[in-house]
Every structure is written in structure tokens, then in C-alpha cells.
Amino acid sequence: MAQALQEAKKAYALAEVPVGAVVVLDGEVIGRGFNQPITGHDPCAHAEVMALRDAAHHIKNYRLLDADLYVTVEPCTMCSGAIVHARIKRLIFAALEPKAGVVCSQMKVFEQGYFNHEVAVVSGVLAQESSELMQDFFKMRRAQKKQLKLQARAQK
């Protein structure tokens, strides 16, 4: 999870929502990713998807059987679907995402009976560190927004 947090910091540095992910197979990191939908002009460029893509390229297979995915924030619907399609064995995530997280916070998507693959879930690993990074990011974004409003008023 520490490596996923390092990936999240890369997103933060690009002014992207700081989410990071790594895929681990047999104790080796085979995929890394961080949020980059804004800088990549790609609505699907979430950390989880980027890490899954990187891992699939690394092993030359879109099925990531027996792999674990570590992510700093509870996945959204899109990412949860990608996790199932990639056949990730276990998802380990840090912080809950009460609004858009669908693993524990909302839909509990992996508990639905219609998927042909089961994903084991572990939550709360380095949750405080991940939550603090997110809070710092959004605090910074709110301050930037406030500054822009003040500048706009001053120009009028």
C-alpha cells in the first residue's frame, strides 16, 4: 500500500485527485497507476485502470489471475467492473469513498450475485495516510478556487 500511496502522490503533483494503485503477483509489483483523467484527457484513466493496463501489458495477458490490487481509495463502479473483468483475486484498499465507492460504501458491487468472478476485499490498510492525502488535496483545491474568485473580483 505504501507504493500505491507513492503513486497517489504523483497524481497530486499533477493536480489530479490523488489516487494510486499497484498490482502485485507472486510478491512482485507488475503494474502501477495513478489518476490522470485530466492530464490524459481520458475519463477512464483512473489509478486502478492504469495499474491494470500496466500489469496486463507486463504479463501479456488481460487476465490477472491470482493478482492483488492495492489502491488508496475505495473503487468506483467503472474500476470495480475492470477489477472483475481482469479477474483480480484480492482488492486491498485504504480509505472509504462514501459518495462514489461501490465496494463497501454504496452498492457493495462484489456482493452481487450476477458476476462470474469473486473478489476478496480487505479495507482500511493505511487508511489514515490515504485520507489525509485526499483531505490535503481538496483543501488545496478549495484555497485555489477561493484565490481565483478573489482575483476575478479584483479585476472587475
N, C-alpha and C. Protein backbone atom coordinates (compact mmCIF):
# COMPACT_ATOMS: atom_id res chain seq x y z
N MET A 1 0.83 -1.19 0.00
CA MET A 1 0.00 0.00 0.00
C MET A 1 0.87 1.26 0.00
N ALA A 2 2.03 1.16 0.61
CA ALA A 2 2.94 2.31 0.62
C ALA A 2 3.31 2.71 -0.82
N GLN A 3 3.48 1.73 -1.69
CA GLN A 3 3.81 2.03 -3.08
C GLN A 3 2.61 2.65 -3.80
N ALA A 4 1.41 2.22 -3.47
CA ALA A 4 0.21 2.83 -4.03
C ALA A 4 0.11 4.29 -3.59
N LEU A 5 0.46 4.57 -2.34
CA LEU A 5 0.46 5.96 -1.86
C LEU A 5 1.48 6.81 -2.62
N GLN A 6 2.61 6.22 -2.96
CA GLN A 6 3.60 6.95 -3.76
C GLN A 6 3.03 7.29 -5.14
N GLU A 7 2.27 6.36 -5.71
CA GLU A 7 1.60 6.63 -6.99
C GLU A 7 0.59 7.75 -6.84
N ALA A 8 -0.16 7.75 -5.73
CA ALA A 8 -1.16 8.80 -5.48
C ALA A 8 -0.49 10.17 -5.42
N LYS A 9 0.69 10.23 -4.86
CA LYS A 9 1.41 11.50 -4.77
C LYS A 9 1.81 12.01 -6.16
N LYS A 10 2.01 11.11 -7.11
CA LYS A 10 2.28 11.53 -8.49
C LYS A 10 1.06 12.24 -9.06
N ALA A 11 -0.12 11.70 -8.78
CA ALA A 11 -1.35 12.34 -9.24
C ALA A 11 -1.50 13.72 -8.61
N TYR A 12 -1.26 13.79 -7.31
CA TYR A 12 -1.34 15.06 -6.58
C TYR A 12 -0.44 16.12 -7.23
N ALA A 13 0.76 15.72 -7.58
CA ALA A 13 1.72 16.65 -8.19
C ALA A 13 1.23 17.19 -9.53
N LEU A 14 0.34 16.46 -10.18
CA LEU A 14 -0.23 16.89 -11.46
C LEU A 14 -1.59 17.56 -11.29
N ALA A 15 -1.98 17.82 -10.04
CA ALA A 15 -3.28 18.41 -9.70
C ALA A 15 -4.44 17.48 -10.05
N GLU A 16 -4.16 16.19 -10.06
CA GLU A 16 -5.19 15.17 -10.23
C GLU A 16 -5.60 14.68 -8.85
N VAL A 17 -6.82 14.18 -8.72
CA VAL A 17 -7.26 13.61 -7.44
C VAL A 17 -6.26 12.52 -7.08
N PRO A 18 -5.67 12.58 -5.87
CA PRO A 18 -4.56 11.69 -5.52
C PRO A 18 -4.98 10.27 -5.16
N VAL A 19 -5.14 9.47 -6.20
CA VAL A 19 -5.42 8.05 -6.02
C VAL A 19 -4.32 7.29 -6.73
N GLY A 20 -3.79 6.27 -6.07
CA GLY A 20 -2.74 5.45 -6.64
C GLY A 20 -3.06 3.98 -6.48
N ALA A 21 -2.47 3.16 -7.35
CA ALA A 21 -2.73 1.72 -7.32
C ALA A 21 -1.51 0.95 -7.80
N VAL A 22 -1.36 -0.26 -7.25
CA VAL A 22 -0.35 -1.19 -7.74
C VAL A 22 -0.96 -2.59 -7.81
N VAL A 23 -0.52 -3.35 -8.79
CA VAL A 23 -0.92 -4.75 -8.94
C VAL A 23 0.26 -5.61 -8.55
N VAL A 24 0.00 -6.59 -7.69
CA VAL A 24 1.06 -7.46 -7.18
C VAL A 24 0.73 -8.90 -7.54
N LEU A 25 1.70 -9.60 -8.11
CA LEU A 25 1.57 -11.01 -8.44
C LEU A 25 2.80 -11.74 -7.93
N ASP A 26 2.59 -12.75 -7.13
CA ASP A 26 3.69 -13.54 -6.56
C ASP A 26 4.72 -12.65 -5.85
N GLY A 27 4.24 -11.64 -5.14
CA GLY A 27 5.12 -10.78 -4.36
C GLY A 27 5.83 -9.70 -5.15
N GLU A 28 5.56 -9.61 -6.46
CA GLU A 28 6.23 -8.64 -7.31
C GLU A 28 5.20 -7.64 -7.84
N VAL A 29 5.55 -6.36 -7.80
CA VAL A 29 4.70 -5.33 -8.40
C VAL A 29 4.83 -5.46 -9.92
N ILE A 30 3.69 -5.74 -10.58
CA ILE A 30 3.71 -5.89 -12.04
C ILE A 30 2.96 -4.77 -12.75
N GLY A 31 2.29 -3.91 -11.97
CA GLY A 31 1.57 -2.80 -12.58
C GLY A 31 1.45 -1.64 -11.62
N ARG A 32 1.54 -0.45 -12.15
CA ARG A 32 1.42 0.77 -11.35
C ARG A 32 0.50 1.74 -12.07
N GLY A 33 -0.19 2.56 -11.27
CA GLY A 33 -1.02 3.57 -11.89
C GLY A 33 -1.43 4.65 -10.91
N PHE A 34 -1.74 5.81 -11.45
CA PHE A 34 -2.27 6.90 -10.65
C PHE A 34 -3.30 7.63 -11.49
N ASN A 35 -4.18 8.35 -10.82
CA ASN A 35 -5.22 9.09 -11.52
C ASN A 35 -4.62 10.07 -12.52
N GLN A 36 -5.16 10.05 -13.74
CA GLN A 36 -4.72 11.01 -14.74
C GLN A 36 -5.77 11.29 -15.81
N PRO A 37 -7.06 11.32 -15.43
CA PRO A 37 -8.07 11.62 -16.45
C PRO A 37 -7.98 13.05 -16.99
N ILE A 38 -7.57 14.02 -16.17
CA ILE A 38 -7.48 15.40 -16.62
C ILE A 38 -6.28 15.58 -17.53
N THR A 39 -5.10 15.19 -17.05
CA THR A 39 -3.89 15.38 -17.85
C THR A 39 -3.86 14.45 -19.06
N GLY A 40 -4.49 13.29 -18.95
CA GLY A 40 -4.51 12.35 -20.06
C GLY A 40 -5.69 12.51 -20.99
N HIS A 41 -6.59 13.44 -20.67
CA HIS A 41 -7.81 13.64 -21.47
C HIS A 41 -8.52 12.32 -21.69
N ASP A 42 -8.65 11.56 -20.60
CA ASP A 42 -9.21 10.21 -20.68
C ASP A 42 -10.08 9.95 -19.46
N PRO A 43 -11.41 9.89 -19.63
CA PRO A 43 -12.28 9.67 -18.48
C PRO A 43 -12.08 8.32 -17.80
N CYS A 44 -11.42 7.41 -18.46
CA CYS A 44 -11.18 6.08 -17.90
C CYS A 44 -9.82 5.95 -17.22
N ALA A 45 -9.05 7.01 -17.18
CA ALA A 45 -7.68 6.95 -16.67
C ALA A 45 -7.63 7.05 -15.14
N HIS A 46 -8.44 6.23 -14.48
CA HIS A 46 -8.38 6.13 -13.03
C HIS A 46 -7.16 5.28 -12.66
N ALA A 47 -6.69 5.46 -11.43
CA ALA A 47 -5.49 4.74 -10.97
C ALA A 47 -5.61 3.24 -11.15
N GLU A 48 -6.77 2.68 -10.78
CA GLU A 48 -6.95 1.24 -10.88
C GLU A 48 -6.84 0.76 -12.32
N VAL A 49 -7.49 1.46 -13.23
CA VAL A 49 -7.46 1.08 -14.65
C VAL A 49 -6.04 1.19 -15.19
N MET A 50 -5.34 2.25 -14.83
CA MET A 50 -3.97 2.42 -15.31
C MET A 50 -3.07 1.30 -14.79
N ALA A 51 -3.24 0.92 -13.52
CA ALA A 51 -2.43 -0.16 -12.95
C ALA A 51 -2.78 -1.51 -13.60
N LEU A 52 -4.06 -1.74 -13.84
CA LEU A 52 -4.48 -2.99 -14.50
C LEU A 52 -3.91 -3.06 -15.91
N ARG A 53 -3.98 -1.96 -16.64
CA ARG A 53 -3.40 -1.92 -18.00
C ARG A 53 -1.91 -2.21 -17.97
N ASP A 54 -1.21 -1.56 -17.05
CA ASP A 54 0.24 -1.75 -16.94
C ASP A 54 0.57 -3.21 -16.62
N ALA A 55 -0.18 -3.80 -15.70
CA ALA A 55 0.05 -5.20 -15.32
C ALA A 55 -0.24 -6.14 -16.49
N ALA A 56 -1.34 -5.90 -17.19
CA ALA A 56 -1.70 -6.75 -18.33
C ALA A 56 -0.62 -6.70 -19.41
N HIS A 57 -0.10 -5.50 -19.67
CA HIS A 57 0.99 -5.38 -20.64
C HIS A 57 2.23 -6.11 -20.15
N HIS A 58 2.49 -6.02 -18.85
CA HIS A 58 3.68 -6.65 -18.27
C HIS A 58 3.65 -8.17 -18.44
N ILE A 59 2.50 -8.79 -18.18
CA ILE A 59 2.43 -10.26 -18.28
C ILE A 59 1.86 -10.73 -19.62
N LYS A 60 1.50 -9.76 -20.48
CA LYS A 60 0.96 -10.04 -21.81
C LYS A 60 -0.31 -10.90 -21.75
N ASN A 61 -1.19 -10.51 -20.81
CA ASN A 61 -2.47 -11.20 -20.66
C ASN A 61 -3.44 -10.25 -19.96
N TYR A 62 -4.64 -10.15 -20.49
CA TYR A 62 -5.62 -9.27 -19.85
C TYR A 62 -6.23 -9.88 -18.61
N ARG A 63 -6.04 -11.16 -18.40
CA ARG A 63 -6.48 -11.81 -17.18
C ARG A 63 -5.33 -11.79 -16.17
N LEU A 64 -5.60 -11.19 -15.03
CA LEU A 64 -4.57 -11.05 -13.99
C LEU A 64 -4.88 -12.02 -12.85
N LEU A 65 -4.99 -13.29 -13.23
CA LEU A 65 -5.33 -14.34 -12.27
C LEU A 65 -4.33 -14.37 -11.12
N ASP A 66 -4.85 -14.53 -9.91
CA ASP A 66 -4.05 -14.63 -8.69
C ASP A 66 -3.34 -13.34 -8.30
N ALA A 67 -3.66 -12.23 -8.95
CA ALA A 67 -3.02 -10.95 -8.62
C ALA A 67 -3.85 -10.19 -7.58
N ASP A 68 -3.17 -9.38 -6.81
CA ASP A 68 -3.79 -8.50 -5.83
C ASP A 68 -3.68 -7.07 -6.34
N LEU A 69 -4.72 -6.28 -6.09
CA LEU A 69 -4.71 -4.87 -6.45
C LEU A 69 -4.77 -4.05 -5.17
N TYR A 70 -3.77 -3.20 -4.97
CA TYR A 70 -3.73 -2.28 -3.84
C TYR A 70 -4.10 -0.90 -4.37
N VAL A 71 -5.07 -0.26 -3.74
CA VAL A 71 -5.50 1.07 -4.18
C VAL A 71 -5.77 1.93 -2.96
N THR A 72 -5.47 3.21 -3.08
CA THR A 72 -5.54 4.10 -1.92
C THR A 72 -6.95 4.52 -1.53
N VAL A 73 -7.91 4.36 -2.44
CA VAL A 73 -9.29 4.77 -2.17
C VAL A 73 -10.23 3.70 -2.74
N GLU A 74 -11.33 3.50 -2.05
CA GLU A 74 -12.35 2.54 -2.49
C GLU A 74 -12.74 2.80 -3.95
N PRO A 75 -12.72 1.77 -4.78
CA PRO A 75 -13.01 1.94 -6.21
C PRO A 75 -14.45 2.35 -6.52
N CYS A 76 -14.57 3.00 -7.68
CA CYS A 76 -15.87 3.40 -8.24
C CYS A 76 -16.45 2.23 -9.05
N THR A 77 -17.60 2.47 -9.63
CA THR A 77 -18.28 1.44 -10.43
C THR A 77 -17.43 0.98 -11.61
N MET A 78 -16.89 1.94 -12.36
CA MET A 78 -16.09 1.60 -13.54
C MET A 78 -14.90 0.73 -13.15
N CYS A 79 -14.18 1.16 -12.12
CA CYS A 79 -12.98 0.43 -11.71
C CYS A 79 -13.33 -0.95 -11.15
N SER A 80 -14.43 -1.03 -10.44
CA SER A 80 -14.86 -2.33 -9.90
C SER A 80 -15.16 -3.30 -11.03
N GLY A 81 -15.79 -2.81 -12.09
CA GLY A 81 -16.04 -3.66 -13.25
C GLY A 81 -14.74 -4.14 -13.88
N ALA A 82 -13.77 -3.24 -14.00
CA ALA A 82 -12.47 -3.62 -14.57
C ALA A 82 -11.77 -4.65 -13.70
N ILE A 83 -11.92 -4.52 -12.39
CA ILE A 83 -11.31 -5.47 -11.45
C ILE A 83 -11.89 -6.87 -11.67
N VAL A 84 -13.20 -6.94 -11.84
CA VAL A 84 -13.85 -8.23 -12.10
C VAL A 84 -13.39 -8.80 -13.43
N HIS A 85 -13.40 -7.98 -14.48
CA HIS A 85 -13.02 -8.47 -15.81
C HIS A 85 -11.56 -8.91 -15.87
N ALA A 86 -10.70 -8.28 -15.07
CA ALA A 86 -9.29 -8.66 -15.03
C ALA A 86 -9.06 -9.92 -14.19
N ARG A 87 -10.09 -10.31 -13.44
CA ARG A 87 -10.03 -11.49 -12.56
C ARG A 87 -9.05 -11.31 -11.41
N ILE A 88 -9.02 -10.08 -10.87
CA ILE A 88 -8.19 -9.81 -9.69
C ILE A 88 -8.66 -10.72 -8.56
N LYS A 89 -7.73 -11.33 -7.89
CA LYS A 89 -8.06 -12.25 -6.80
C LYS A 89 -8.49 -11.49 -5.54
N ARG A 90 -7.72 -10.43 -5.22
CA ARG A 90 -7.98 -9.72 -3.97
C ARG A 90 -7.75 -8.23 -4.17
N LEU A 91 -8.70 -7.45 -3.68
CA LEU A 91 -8.61 -6.00 -3.67
C LEU A 91 -8.30 -5.55 -2.25
N ILE A 92 -7.24 -4.78 -2.12
CA ILE A 92 -6.88 -4.20 -0.82
C ILE A 92 -6.94 -2.69 -1.02
N PHE A 93 -7.80 -2.02 -0.26
CA PHE A 93 -7.86 -0.57 -0.41
C PHE A 93 -7.73 0.11 0.94
N ALA A 94 -7.34 1.37 0.89
CA ALA A 94 -7.07 2.14 2.11
C ALA A 94 -8.33 2.81 2.62
N ALA A 95 -8.69 3.93 2.02
CA ALA A 95 -9.77 4.77 2.54
C ALA A 95 -11.11 4.49 1.87
N LEU A 96 -12.16 4.60 2.65
CA LEU A 96 -13.51 4.52 2.10
C LEU A 96 -13.78 5.77 1.26
N GLU A 97 -14.65 5.62 0.27
CA GLU A 97 -15.10 6.73 -0.55
C GLU A 97 -16.63 6.77 -0.42
N PRO A 98 -17.14 7.48 0.59
CA PRO A 98 -18.56 7.40 0.92
C PRO A 98 -19.52 7.78 -0.20
N LYS A 99 -19.10 8.66 -1.11
CA LYS A 99 -20.01 9.10 -2.18
C LYS A 99 -20.00 8.16 -3.39
N ALA A 100 -18.82 7.82 -3.88
CA ALA A 100 -18.72 7.08 -5.13
C ALA A 100 -18.14 5.68 -4.99
N GLY A 101 -17.72 5.29 -3.80
CA GLY A 101 -17.17 3.96 -3.61
C GLY A 101 -18.28 2.93 -3.64
N VAL A 102 -18.07 1.87 -4.41
CA VAL A 102 -19.14 0.88 -4.56
C VAL A 102 -18.78 -0.49 -4.01
N VAL A 103 -17.66 -0.60 -3.33
CA VAL A 103 -17.25 -1.89 -2.76
C VAL A 103 -17.86 -2.08 -1.38
N CYS A 104 -17.76 -1.07 -0.54
CA CYS A 104 -18.31 -1.12 0.82
C CYS A 104 -19.31 0.00 1.09
N SER A 105 -19.04 1.18 0.57
CA SER A 105 -19.83 2.36 0.93
C SER A 105 -21.20 2.40 0.28
N GLN A 106 -21.31 2.03 -0.96
CA GLN A 106 -22.58 2.12 -1.68
C GLN A 106 -23.06 0.74 -2.11
N MET A 107 -23.05 0.43 -3.35
CA MET A 107 -23.68 -0.76 -3.93
C MET A 107 -23.21 -2.10 -3.40
N LYS A 108 -22.03 -2.14 -2.82
CA LYS A 108 -21.42 -3.41 -2.44
C LYS A 108 -21.41 -4.34 -3.66
N VAL A 109 -20.84 -3.81 -4.72
CA VAL A 109 -20.92 -4.44 -6.03
C VAL A 109 -20.37 -5.87 -6.06
N PHE A 110 -19.33 -6.15 -5.31
CA PHE A 110 -18.75 -7.51 -5.36
C PHE A 110 -19.63 -8.53 -4.65
N GLU A 111 -20.61 -8.07 -3.90
CA GLU A 111 -21.53 -8.98 -3.22
C GLU A 111 -22.74 -9.33 -4.08
N GLN A 112 -22.86 -8.72 -5.25
CA GLN A 112 -23.98 -9.01 -6.14
C GLN A 112 -23.78 -10.41 -6.72
N GLY A 113 -24.83 -11.10 -6.91
CA GLY A 113 -24.74 -12.49 -7.35
C GLY A 113 -24.58 -12.70 -8.84
N TYR A 114 -24.55 -11.65 -9.63
CA TYR A 114 -24.55 -11.82 -11.08
C TYR A 114 -23.16 -11.85 -11.72
N PHE A 115 -22.11 -11.66 -10.95
CA PHE A 115 -20.77 -11.74 -11.52
C PHE A 115 -20.29 -13.19 -11.56
N ASN A 116 -19.47 -13.49 -12.55
CA ASN A 116 -18.91 -14.83 -12.68
C ASN A 116 -17.53 -14.94 -12.05
N HIS A 117 -17.19 -13.96 -11.22
CA HIS A 117 -15.89 -13.96 -10.55
C HIS A 117 -16.05 -13.30 -9.19
N GLU A 118 -15.42 -13.88 -8.19
CA GLU A 118 -15.46 -13.31 -6.84
C GLU A 118 -14.13 -12.64 -6.53
N VAL A 119 -14.23 -11.48 -5.90
CA VAL A 119 -13.05 -10.71 -5.50
C VAL A 119 -13.05 -10.62 -3.98
N ALA A 120 -11.99 -11.08 -3.36
CA ALA A 120 -11.84 -10.91 -1.91
C ALA A 120 -11.48 -9.45 -1.65
N VAL A 121 -11.96 -8.91 -0.54
CA VAL A 121 -11.75 -7.49 -0.24
C VAL A 121 -11.17 -7.31 1.16
N VAL A 122 -10.15 -6.46 1.25
CA VAL A 122 -9.58 -6.04 2.51
C VAL A 122 -9.59 -4.51 2.48
N SER A 123 -10.12 -3.89 3.52
CA SER A 123 -10.17 -2.42 3.53
C SER A 123 -9.48 -1.87 4.77
N GLY A 124 -9.12 -0.61 4.70
CA GLY A 124 -8.57 0.09 5.85
C GLY A 124 -7.06 0.07 5.98
N VAL A 125 -6.34 -0.52 5.02
CA VAL A 125 -4.88 -0.58 5.10
C VAL A 125 -4.29 0.79 4.77
N LEU A 126 -3.63 1.41 5.72
CA LEU A 126 -3.07 2.76 5.60
C LEU A 126 -4.17 3.78 5.28
N ALA A 127 -5.34 3.56 5.83
CA ALA A 127 -6.49 4.43 5.57
C ALA A 127 -6.24 5.87 6.01
N GLN A 128 -5.64 6.05 7.17
CA GLN A 128 -5.42 7.41 7.66
C GLN A 128 -4.50 8.19 6.73
N GLU A 129 -3.41 7.58 6.28
CA GLU A 129 -2.48 8.25 5.39
C GLU A 129 -3.16 8.63 4.08
N SER A 130 -3.95 7.72 3.55
CA SER A 130 -4.66 8.00 2.30
C SER A 130 -5.70 9.09 2.49
N SER A 131 -6.45 9.03 3.56
CA SER A 131 -7.46 10.05 3.85
C SER A 131 -6.83 11.43 4.02
N GLU A 132 -5.71 11.49 4.71
CA GLU A 132 -5.03 12.77 4.91
C GLU A 132 -4.55 13.35 3.59
N LEU A 133 -4.05 12.51 2.70
CA LEU A 133 -3.60 12.98 1.39
C LEU A 133 -4.78 13.57 0.61
N MET A 134 -5.92 12.87 0.64
CA MET A 134 -7.12 13.37 -0.05
C MET A 134 -7.59 14.68 0.57
N GLN A 135 -7.63 14.75 1.88
CA GLN A 135 -8.08 15.97 2.56
C GLN A 135 -7.17 17.15 2.24
N ASP A 136 -5.87 16.90 2.26
CA ASP A 136 -4.91 17.97 1.92
C ASP A 136 -5.13 18.45 0.49
N PHE A 137 -5.36 17.52 -0.41
CA PHE A 137 -5.57 17.86 -1.82
C PHE A 137 -6.80 18.75 -1.98
N PHE A 138 -7.91 18.33 -1.40
CA PHE A 138 -9.14 19.10 -1.59
C PHE A 138 -9.10 20.43 -0.83
N LYS A 139 -8.37 20.49 0.26
CA LYS A 139 -8.17 21.75 0.97
C LYS A 139 -7.40 22.71 0.06
N MET A 140 -6.36 22.20 -0.58
CA MET A 140 -5.57 22.99 -1.51
C MET A 140 -6.43 23.46 -2.69
N ARG A 141 -7.26 22.57 -3.23
CA ARG A 141 -8.14 22.93 -4.35
C ARG A 141 -9.13 24.02 -3.96
N ARG A 142 -9.71 23.91 -2.76
CA ARG A 142 -10.66 24.94 -2.30
C ARG A 142 -9.95 26.28 -2.15
N ALA A 143 -8.73 26.27 -1.63
CA ALA A 143 -7.97 27.51 -1.48
C ALA A 143 -7.66 28.13 -2.84
N GLN A 144 -7.32 27.30 -3.82
CA GLN A 144 -7.05 27.80 -5.17
C GLN A 144 -8.30 28.43 -5.77
N LYS A 145 -9.43 27.76 -5.59
CA LYS A 145 -10.69 28.26 -6.12
C LYS A 145 -11.03 29.62 -5.49
N LYS A 146 -10.83 29.72 -4.19
CA LYS A 146 -11.09 30.97 -3.47
C LYS A 146 -10.19 32.08 -4.01
N GLN A 147 -8.92 31.76 -4.23
CA GLN A 147 -7.97 32.73 -4.75
C GLN A 147 -8.39 33.20 -6.14
N LEU A 148 -8.85 32.30 -6.99
CA LEU A 148 -9.30 32.67 -8.33
C LEU A 148 -10.50 33.61 -8.27
N LYS A 149 -11.42 33.34 -7.35
CA LYS A 149 -12.59 34.21 -7.18
C LYS A 149 -12.16 35.60 -6.75
N LEU A 150 -11.22 35.66 -5.81
CA LEU A 150 -10.73 36.95 -5.34
C LEU A 150 -10.04 37.72 -6.47
N GLN A 151 -9.28 37.02 -7.28
CA GLN A 151 -8.60 37.67 -8.42
C GLN A 151 -9.62 38.18 -9.43
N ALA A 152 -10.66 37.41 -9.68
CA ALA A 152 -11.69 37.82 -10.63
C ALA A 152 -12.42 39.06 -10.14
N ARG A 153 -12.70 39.13 -8.86
CA ARG A 153 -13.36 40.30 -8.27
C ARG A 153 -12.46 41.53 -8.37
N ALA A 154 -11.17 41.32 -8.13
CA ALA A 154 -10.22 42.43 -8.17
C ALA A 154 -10.09 43.01 -9.57
N GLN A 155 -10.29 42.18 -10.58
CA GLN A 155 -10.15 42.63 -11.97
C GLN A 155 -11.39 43.39 -12.45
N LYS A 156 -12.50 43.26 -11.74
CA LYS A 156 -13.73 43.93 -12.16
C LYS A 156 -13.72 45.35 -11.83
